[in-house]
C-alpha cells in the first residue's frame, strides 16, 4: 500500500514538473515574441520620424527653391500611406501584448504624435503651395460595429492621392494632444471627421461622405476627380 502511494506521488510530482516546464516554456516563447514585435514597432516609428524630419527640412527650403511643391505633396502622401499601413501592425501588437503593455503604449503614443505632426505640416505646406488634396482628420473609438473606417478606405481607393486621411483613437488618453484636438473642434460624438475646416460628427455613409469630399475639391480649386462628376 505504501509503495503504491509513493508511486502515485512520484507520478503526480513528475506531471507537475512537466506542466511547469511546458508553462514556463510558453511564457518564455511569449516574451521572446513580444520583444521581437516591440523591436519591429520601434523600427517602424524610427523610420517614420526620419521621414518626417526629411519632409520638414524640405518644407523649410521651399522658399529658396531647393524643394518644389510637387515633390513635397508626393512625399507627404507616400509617408502618410506607409505610416498608416505599418501602424496597423503596431496597434495589433499592442492589443495582444501581455508582458510589454507599457512599452507598446509608448510606441502608440509616439505614432499618434508623428501622425499629428504630419497633419500639421500638411497644413503648413498648403499655405506655401497650391493645395492639391483634401485632408480628413478622422476620430474613432473602439466600437467594433462602426464601419466609418471601412468607408474611408473605400473612398481612399477611389480618390487615391486626392485625399489624405489622419486617423486618431479618441480613447487614447495617454496622449493629451488628441484630447486637445477634440476640444478645439468641439467633438463629442464618434466617429467624427474634420474635412477642410468643417466638422462632421457621427457616421457618414459612403454617398454622403463622397459629396462632402467633392464639395471640398471644388472649394480648394483643385482638379475635380471624375468620380465627383459622375455623382453630380
Protein backbone atom coordinates (compact mmCIF):
# COMPACT_ATOMS: atom_id res chain seq x y z
CA UNK A 1 0.00 0.00 0.00
CA UNK A 2 2.82 2.37 0.96
CA UNK A 3 4.68 1.51 -2.26
CA UNK A 4 1.58 2.38 -4.36
CA UNK A 5 1.24 5.72 -2.60
CA UNK A 6 4.90 6.52 -3.22
CA UNK A 7 4.49 5.56 -6.90
CA UNK A 8 1.38 7.75 -7.24
CA UNK A 9 3.18 10.63 -5.54
CA UNK A 10 6.08 10.33 -7.97
CA UNK A 11 3.66 10.34 -10.93
CA UNK A 12 1.90 13.46 -9.66
CA UNK A 13 5.24 15.14 -8.98
CA UNK A 14 6.51 14.27 -12.45
CA UNK A 15 3.28 15.52 -14.04
CA UNK A 16 3.58 18.77 -12.05
CA UNK A 17 7.20 19.26 -13.13
CA UNK A 18 6.34 18.59 -16.79
CA UNK A 19 3.40 21.02 -16.61
CA UNK A 20 5.65 23.66 -15.03
CA UNK A 21 8.29 23.18 -17.73
CA UNK A 22 5.71 23.49 -20.53
CA UNK A 23 4.11 26.54 -18.90
CA UNK A 24 7.48 28.21 -18.35
CA UNK A 25 8.46 27.44 -21.94
CA UNK A 26 5.24 29.03 -23.17
CA UNK A 27 5.92 32.19 -21.17
CA UNK A 28 9.49 32.34 -22.48
CA UNK A 29 8.30 31.99 -26.07
CA UNK A 30 5.65 34.66 -25.47
CA UNK A 31 8.22 37.08 -24.06
CA UNK A 32 10.58 36.47 -26.99
CA UNK A 33 7.76 37.01 -29.49
CA UNK A 34 6.60 40.24 -27.85
CA UNK A 35 10.17 41.53 -27.67
CA UNK A 36 10.56 40.85 -31.41
CA UNK A 37 7.29 42.67 -32.11
CA UNK A 38 8.36 45.57 -29.89
CA UNK A 39 11.66 45.83 -31.77
CA UNK A 40 9.76 45.80 -35.08
CA UNK A 41 7.41 48.57 -33.95
CA UNK A 42 10.35 50.67 -32.75
CA UNK A 43 11.95 50.41 -36.19
CA UNK A 44 8.67 51.45 -37.83
CA UNK A 45 8.36 54.52 -35.61
CA UNK A 46 12.01 55.48 -36.10
CA UNK A 47 11.71 55.25 -39.88
CA UNK A 48 8.60 57.45 -39.96
CA UNK A 49 10.21 60.02 -37.65
CA UNK A 50 13.20 60.20 -40.01
CA UNK A 51 10.79 60.65 -42.94
CA UNK A 52 9.05 63.42 -41.02
CA UNK A 53 12.32 65.26 -40.35
CA UNK A 54 13.25 64.99 -44.01
CA UNK A 55 9.88 66.41 -45.03
CA UNK A 56 10.18 69.28 -42.54
CA UNK A 57 13.61 70.20 -43.87
CA UNK A 58 12.38 70.15 -47.47
CA UNK A 59 9.43 72.30 -46.49
CA UNK A 60 11.80 74.86 -44.97
CA UNK A 61 13.70 75.03 -48.25
CA UNK A 62 10.69 75.80 -50.45
CA UNK A 63 11.41 79.50 -50.34
CA UNK A 64 14.98 79.03 -51.54
CA UNK A 65 13.85 76.88 -54.47
CA UNK A 66 15.71 73.79 -53.23
CA UNK A 67 12.49 71.79 -52.99
CA UNK A 68 9.37 72.06 -55.13
CA UNK A 69 5.72 71.74 -54.12
CA UNK A 70 5.01 68.75 -56.34
CA UNK A 71 7.77 66.78 -54.64
CA UNK A 72 6.57 67.79 -51.18
CA UNK A 73 2.98 66.73 -51.91
CA UNK A 74 4.19 63.38 -53.24
CA UNK A 75 6.48 62.70 -50.26
CA UNK A 76 3.78 63.67 -47.78
CA UNK A 77 1.17 61.40 -49.38
CA UNK A 78 3.55 58.43 -49.57
CA UNK A 79 4.71 58.84 -45.97
CA UNK A 80 1.18 59.06 -44.60
CA UNK A 81 0.07 55.98 -46.52
CA UNK A 82 3.09 53.98 -45.36
CA UNK A 83 2.64 55.13 -41.77
CA UNK A 84 -1.00 54.01 -41.77
CA UNK A 85 -0.21 50.59 -43.22
CA UNK A 86 2.64 49.85 -40.82
CA UNK A 87 0.90 51.15 -37.73
CA UNK A 88 -1.93 48.68 -38.25
CA UNK A 89 0.65 46.08 -37.17
CA UNK A 90 1.74 48.09 -34.13
CA UNK A 91 -1.86 48.58 -32.97
CA UNK A 92 -2.46 44.85 -33.37
CA UNK A 93 0.71 44.12 -31.34
CA UNK A 94 -0.46 46.49 -28.60
CA UNK A 95 -3.86 44.82 -28.29
CA UNK A 96 -2.26 41.38 -27.86
CA UNK A 97 0.57 42.49 -25.57
CA UNK A 98 0.83 40.87 -22.14
CA UNK A 99 4.39 41.46 -20.95
CA UNK A 100 5.27 44.78 -22.66
CA UNK A 101 2.00 46.71 -22.47
CA UNK A 102 3.60 49.94 -21.24
CA UNK A 103 6.26 49.88 -23.96
CA UNK A 104 3.68 49.28 -26.70
CA UNK A 105 1.55 52.14 -25.33
CA UNK A 106 4.58 54.42 -25.59
CA UNK A 107 5.08 53.28 -29.18
CA UNK A 108 1.43 54.06 -29.94
CA UNK A 109 1.76 57.47 -28.33
CA UNK A 110 4.82 58.15 -30.46
CA UNK A 111 2.88 57.04 -33.55
CA UNK A 112 -0.09 59.32 -32.88
CA UNK A 113 2.26 62.24 -32.24
CA UNK A 114 4.05 61.55 -35.53
CA UNK A 115 0.72 61.39 -37.36
CA UNK A 116 -0.42 64.68 -35.81
CA UNK A 117 2.89 66.25 -36.87
CA UNK A 118 2.26 65.07 -40.43
CA UNK A 119 -1.21 66.64 -40.24
CA UNK A 120 0.15 69.98 -39.03
CA UNK A 121 2.95 70.03 -41.59
CA UNK A 122 0.41 69.28 -44.34
CA UNK A 123 -1.42 72.44 -43.31
CA UNK A 124 1.83 74.42 -43.46
CA UNK A 125 2.59 73.05 -46.92
CA UNK A 126 -0.89 74.11 -48.10
CA UNK A 127 -0.07 77.68 -47.03
CA UNK A 128 3.05 77.74 -49.21
CA UNK A 129 1.91 75.56 -52.11
CA UNK A 130 -1.29 75.23 -54.12
CA UNK A 131 -3.48 72.76 -52.25
CA UNK A 132 -3.93 69.60 -54.29
CA UNK A 133 -5.60 67.26 -51.78
CA UNK A 134 -8.33 67.22 -49.14
CA UNK A 135 -7.24 66.44 -45.59
CA UNK A 136 -9.51 64.28 -43.44
CA UNK A 137 -8.90 64.17 -39.70
CA UNK A 138 -10.75 61.07 -38.51
CA UNK A 139 -11.51 60.39 -34.83
CA UNK A 140 -12.67 56.86 -34.00
CA UNK A 141 -13.44 54.83 -30.89
CA UNK A 142 -13.34 51.11 -30.09
CA UNK A 143 -16.86 50.39 -31.40
CA UNK A 144 -16.41 47.15 -33.37
CA UNK A 145 -19.68 47.73 -35.25
CA UNK A 146 -18.55 51.08 -36.68
CA UNK A 147 -17.89 50.99 -40.44
CA UNK A 148 -16.71 54.58 -40.93
CA UNK A 149 -13.10 53.46 -41.24
CA UNK A 150 -14.03 50.97 -43.97
CA UNK A 151 -15.91 53.70 -45.87
CA UNK A 152 -12.86 55.95 -45.69
CA UNK A 153 -10.65 53.14 -47.01
CA UNK A 154 -13.11 52.63 -49.90
CA UNK A 155 -13.04 56.34 -50.81
CA UNK A 156 -9.26 56.46 -50.42
CA UNK A 157 -9.02 53.78 -53.12
CA UNK A 158 -11.30 55.84 -55.34
CA UNK A 159 -9.60 59.22 -54.87
CA UNK A 160 -6.07 57.96 -54.12
CA UNK A 161 -3.67 60.90 -53.53
CA UNK A 162 -6.55 63.40 -53.73
CA UNK A 163 -7.40 62.72 -50.08
CA UNK A 164 -5.08 62.31 -47.09
CA UNK A 165 -6.53 60.56 -44.03
CA UNK A 166 -5.22 61.04 -40.49
CA UNK A 167 -6.80 58.55 -38.06
CA UNK A 168 -6.72 59.12 -34.30
CA UNK A 169 -8.05 56.97 -31.47
CA UNK A 170 -10.31 59.25 -29.43
CA UNK A 171 -9.96 56.93 -26.42
CA UNK A 172 -6.16 57.01 -26.28
CA UNK A 173 -5.96 59.27 -23.23
CA UNK A 174 -2.22 58.73 -22.83
CA UNK A 175 -1.61 61.38 -25.50
CA UNK A 176 -3.05 64.78 -24.41
CA UNK A 177 -2.75 66.25 -27.92
CA UNK A 178 -5.60 64.04 -29.13
CA UNK A 179 -7.88 65.49 -26.47
CA UNK A 180 -6.66 68.99 -27.36
CA UNK A 181 -7.77 68.45 -30.97
CA UNK A 182 -11.11 67.02 -29.84
CA UNK A 183 -11.68 70.06 -27.63
CA UNK A 184 -10.61 72.57 -30.27
CA UNK A 185 -13.07 71.09 -32.78
CA UNK A 186 -15.73 70.61 -30.06
CA UNK A 187 -16.13 66.92 -30.91
CA UNK A 188 -18.15 64.79 -28.51
CA UNK A 189 -19.54 62.04 -30.79
CA UNK A 190 -17.70 59.21 -32.51
CA UNK A 191 -16.90 58.60 -35.23
CA UNK A 192 -16.27 62.19 -36.28
CA UNK A 193 -14.33 63.84 -39.08
CA UNK A 194 -12.83 67.20 -39.85
CA UNK A 195 -12.82 67.77 -43.61
CA UNK A 196 -11.13 71.01 -44.54
CA UNK A 197 -12.49 73.41 -41.94
CA UNK A 198 -15.83 71.65 -41.38
CA UNK A 199 -16.62 69.19 -38.59
CA UNK A 200 -18.92 66.21 -39.20
CA UNK A 201 -19.99 64.36 -36.07
CA UNK A 202 -21.50 60.90 -36.31
CA UNK A 203 -21.29 58.31 -39.06
CA UNK A 204 -21.42 59.46 -42.69
CA UNK A 205 -22.37 56.88 -45.30
CA UNK A 206 -20.33 56.49 -48.49
CA UNK A 207 -22.55 58.70 -50.66
CA UNK A 208 -22.74 61.49 -48.05
CA UNK A 209 -19.00 61.46 -47.49
CA UNK A 210 -18.28 61.43 -51.21
CA UNK A 211 -20.47 64.52 -51.59
CA UNK A 212 -18.58 66.23 -48.76
CA UNK A 213 -15.23 65.46 -50.38
CA UNK A 214 -16.38 66.56 -53.83
CA UNK A 215 -17.59 69.89 -52.44
CA UNK A 216 -14.19 70.35 -50.82
CA UNK A 217 -12.37 69.62 -54.11
CA UNK A 218 -14.35 72.43 -55.73
CA UNK A 219 -13.70 74.76 -52.79
CA UNK A 220 -9.90 74.38 -52.86
CA UNK A 221 -9.83 74.84 -56.64
CA UNK A 222 -8.08 71.60 -57.49
CA UNK A 223 -8.94 69.31 -60.37
CA UNK A 224 -12.25 67.64 -59.56
CA UNK A 225 -11.96 63.81 -59.78
CA UNK A 226 -14.07 62.04 -62.39
CA UNK A 227 -15.97 60.22 -59.61
CA UNK A 228 -17.40 63.55 -58.44
CA UNK A 229 -18.65 64.38 -61.94
CA UNK A 230 -20.45 61.01 -62.08
CA UNK A 231 -22.06 61.64 -58.70
CA UNK A 232 -23.04 65.15 -59.73
